[in-house]
Amino acid sequence: MTAGDREGSSIQLTRTHRVLIGVVTAGAVVIAGIGFAGSYAAVRELAEAKGFGQFSLVFPIGID
């Protein structure tokens, strides 16, 4: 197959493909959210223990 043969072709996604892409994307967002929440909580607790006071609430956002 040459580059000229591929010019007019396009990938057609079926409904199943679109649903699977949506499920995988949603799953990735959920996993990322869980990871962020756990990391945020751990860093916030450490910042509180080190005496950052009220700043400990926003400190993890800069670290993560």
N, C-alpha and C. Protein backbone atom coordinates (compact mmCIF):
# COMPACT_ATOMS: atom_id res chain seq x y z
N MET A 1 0.85 -1.17 0.00
CA MET A 1 0.00 0.00 0.00
C MET A 1 0.89 1.23 0.00
N THR A 2 0.61 2.16 -0.85
CA THR A 2 1.39 3.39 -0.92
C THR A 2 0.66 4.52 -0.21
N ALA A 3 1.34 5.63 -0.03
CA ALA A 3 0.72 6.78 0.63
C ALA A 3 -0.48 7.29 -0.15
N GLY A 4 -0.45 7.15 -1.45
CA GLY A 4 -1.57 7.59 -2.28
C GLY A 4 -2.81 6.75 -2.07
N ASP A 5 -2.64 5.50 -1.72
CA ASP A 5 -3.79 4.62 -1.47
C ASP A 5 -4.52 5.01 -0.18
N ARG A 6 -3.83 5.62 0.74
CA ARG A 6 -4.43 5.95 2.04
C ARG A 6 -5.05 7.34 2.07
N GLU A 7 -4.88 8.14 1.05
CA GLU A 7 -5.35 9.52 1.07
C GLU A 7 -6.83 9.65 1.34
N GLY A 8 -7.66 8.91 0.66
CA GLY A 8 -9.10 9.05 0.79
C GLY A 8 -9.71 8.20 1.88
N SER A 9 -8.94 7.37 2.53
CA SER A 9 -9.51 6.48 3.54
C SER A 9 -9.66 7.20 4.87
N SER A 10 -10.66 6.81 5.59
CA SER A 10 -10.86 7.33 6.94
C SER A 10 -11.35 6.18 7.81
N ILE A 11 -11.06 6.28 9.08
CA ILE A 11 -11.46 5.23 10.00
C ILE A 11 -12.90 5.47 10.42
N GLN A 12 -13.71 4.44 10.29
CA GLN A 12 -15.10 4.52 10.71
C GLN A 12 -15.25 3.82 12.05
N LEU A 13 -15.67 4.55 13.06
CA LEU A 13 -15.88 3.97 14.37
C LEU A 13 -17.33 3.52 14.49
N THR A 14 -17.50 2.30 14.96
CA THR A 14 -18.86 1.80 15.17
C THR A 14 -19.36 2.31 16.52
N ARG A 15 -20.63 2.10 16.77
CA ARG A 15 -21.23 2.51 18.04
C ARG A 15 -20.50 1.81 19.19
N THR A 16 -20.17 0.55 19.00
CA THR A 16 -19.46 -0.21 20.03
C THR A 16 -18.10 0.42 20.34
N HIS A 17 -17.39 0.82 19.30
CA HIS A 17 -16.09 1.47 19.51
C HIS A 17 -16.25 2.76 20.32
N ARG A 18 -17.24 3.57 19.97
CA ARG A 18 -17.46 4.83 20.68
C ARG A 18 -17.82 4.58 22.14
N VAL A 19 -18.65 3.57 22.39
CA VAL A 19 -19.03 3.24 23.77
C VAL A 19 -17.80 2.78 24.55
N LEU A 20 -16.98 1.92 23.95
CA LEU A 20 -15.78 1.44 24.63
C LEU A 20 -14.80 2.57 24.91
N ILE A 21 -14.65 3.48 23.98
CA ILE A 21 -13.77 4.64 24.19
C ILE A 21 -14.29 5.47 25.36
N GLY A 22 -15.59 5.66 25.43
CA GLY A 22 -16.20 6.41 26.53
C GLY A 22 -16.00 5.72 27.87
N VAL A 23 -16.17 4.40 27.90
CA VAL A 23 -15.99 3.64 29.14
C VAL A 23 -14.53 3.71 29.61
N VAL A 24 -13.60 3.53 28.69
CA VAL A 24 -12.18 3.59 29.05
C VAL A 24 -11.81 4.99 29.53
N THR A 25 -12.29 6.02 28.85
CA THR A 25 -12.01 7.39 29.25
C THR A 25 -12.58 7.69 30.64
N ALA A 26 -13.83 7.28 30.87
CA ALA A 26 -14.45 7.49 32.18
C ALA A 26 -13.68 6.74 33.27
N GLY A 27 -13.27 5.52 32.98
CA GLY A 27 -12.50 4.75 33.95
C GLY A 27 -11.17 5.40 34.27
N ALA A 28 -10.51 5.92 33.26
CA ALA A 28 -9.23 6.60 33.47
C ALA A 28 -9.41 7.85 34.34
N VAL A 29 -10.48 8.58 34.11
CA VAL A 29 -10.75 9.78 34.91
C VAL A 29 -11.03 9.40 36.36
N VAL A 30 -11.79 8.33 36.57
CA VAL A 30 -12.08 7.87 37.94
C VAL A 30 -10.80 7.44 38.64
N ILE A 31 -9.98 6.67 37.97
CA ILE A 31 -8.72 6.21 38.58
C ILE A 31 -7.81 7.39 38.88
N ALA A 32 -7.73 8.35 37.98
CA ALA A 32 -6.92 9.55 38.22
C ALA A 32 -7.46 10.33 39.42
N GLY A 33 -8.77 10.43 39.53
CA GLY A 33 -9.39 11.14 40.65
C GLY A 33 -9.09 10.48 41.99
N ILE A 34 -9.16 9.14 42.01
CA ILE A 34 -8.85 8.40 43.23
C ILE A 34 -7.38 8.61 43.61
N GLY A 35 -6.51 8.54 42.63
CA GLY A 35 -5.09 8.76 42.89
C GLY A 35 -4.81 10.15 43.41
N PHE A 36 -5.45 11.15 42.80
CA PHE A 36 -5.25 12.53 43.24
C PHE A 36 -5.76 12.72 44.66
N ALA A 37 -6.94 12.17 44.96
CA ALA A 37 -7.53 12.33 46.30
C ALA A 37 -6.62 11.70 47.36
N GLY A 38 -6.11 10.51 47.08
CA GLY A 38 -5.23 9.86 48.04
C GLY A 38 -3.93 10.62 48.24
N SER A 39 -3.36 11.08 47.16
CA SER A 39 -2.12 11.83 47.24
C SER A 39 -2.34 13.16 47.95
N TYR A 40 -3.43 13.84 47.62
CA TYR A 40 -3.75 15.12 48.24
C TYR A 40 -3.87 14.95 49.75
N ALA A 41 -4.60 13.91 50.18
CA ALA A 41 -4.81 13.68 51.61
C ALA A 41 -3.49 13.41 52.32
N ALA A 42 -2.63 12.60 51.71
CA ALA A 42 -1.35 12.28 52.34
C ALA A 42 -0.46 13.51 52.46
N VAL A 43 -0.38 14.30 51.41
CA VAL A 43 0.47 15.49 51.43
C VAL A 43 -0.11 16.54 52.38
N ARG A 44 -1.44 16.66 52.43
CA ARG A 44 -2.07 17.62 53.34
C ARG A 44 -1.77 17.26 54.80
N GLU A 45 -1.88 15.97 55.12
CA GLU A 45 -1.58 15.53 56.48
C GLU A 45 -0.11 15.82 56.83
N LEU A 46 0.78 15.57 55.91
CA LEU A 46 2.19 15.84 56.15
C LEU A 46 2.43 17.34 56.35
N ALA A 47 1.77 18.16 55.53
CA ALA A 47 1.92 19.61 55.66
C ALA A 47 1.37 20.09 57.00
N GLU A 48 0.26 19.52 57.45
CA GLU A 48 -0.28 19.89 58.76
C GLU A 48 0.69 19.50 59.87
N ALA A 49 1.29 18.31 59.75
CA ALA A 49 2.23 17.83 60.77
C ALA A 49 3.49 18.69 60.80
N LYS A 50 3.87 19.27 59.67
CA LYS A 50 5.07 20.11 59.59
C LYS A 50 4.81 21.57 59.95
N GLY A 51 3.55 21.88 60.30
CA GLY A 51 3.22 23.22 60.78
C GLY A 51 2.88 24.23 59.70
N PHE A 52 2.33 23.81 58.59
CA PHE A 52 1.97 24.75 57.53
C PHE A 52 0.67 25.49 57.80
N GLY A 53 -0.07 25.09 58.82
CA GLY A 53 -1.31 25.78 59.19
C GLY A 53 -2.36 25.71 58.09
N GLN A 54 -3.03 26.84 57.85
CA GLN A 54 -4.10 26.91 56.83
C GLN A 54 -3.56 26.66 55.42
N PHE A 55 -2.29 26.98 55.21
CA PHE A 55 -1.68 26.79 53.89
C PHE A 55 -1.63 25.30 53.51
N SER A 56 -1.74 24.42 54.51
CA SER A 56 -1.69 22.99 54.24
C SER A 56 -2.86 22.52 53.36
N LEU A 57 -3.91 23.33 53.27
CA LEU A 57 -5.05 22.96 52.43
C LEU A 57 -4.75 23.13 50.93
N VAL A 58 -3.90 24.08 50.59
CA VAL A 58 -3.58 24.32 49.18
C VAL A 58 -2.18 23.84 48.80
N PHE A 59 -1.36 23.57 49.78
CA PHE A 59 0.01 23.11 49.52
C PHE A 59 0.06 21.86 48.64
N PRO A 60 -0.80 20.84 48.85
CA PRO A 60 -0.73 19.64 48.02
C PRO A 60 -1.00 19.89 46.53
N ILE A 61 -1.76 20.89 46.22
CA ILE A 61 -2.06 21.19 44.81
C ILE A 61 -0.79 21.61 44.09
N GLY A 62 0.05 22.38 44.73
CA GLY A 62 1.32 22.80 44.14
C GLY A 62 2.30 21.65 44.03
N ILE A 63 2.25 20.72 44.96
CA ILE A 63 3.16 19.58 44.95
C ILE A 63 2.75 18.56 43.90
N ASP A 64 1.47 18.23 43.85
CA ASP A 64 0.98 17.23 42.89
C ASP A 64 0.94 17.82 41.52
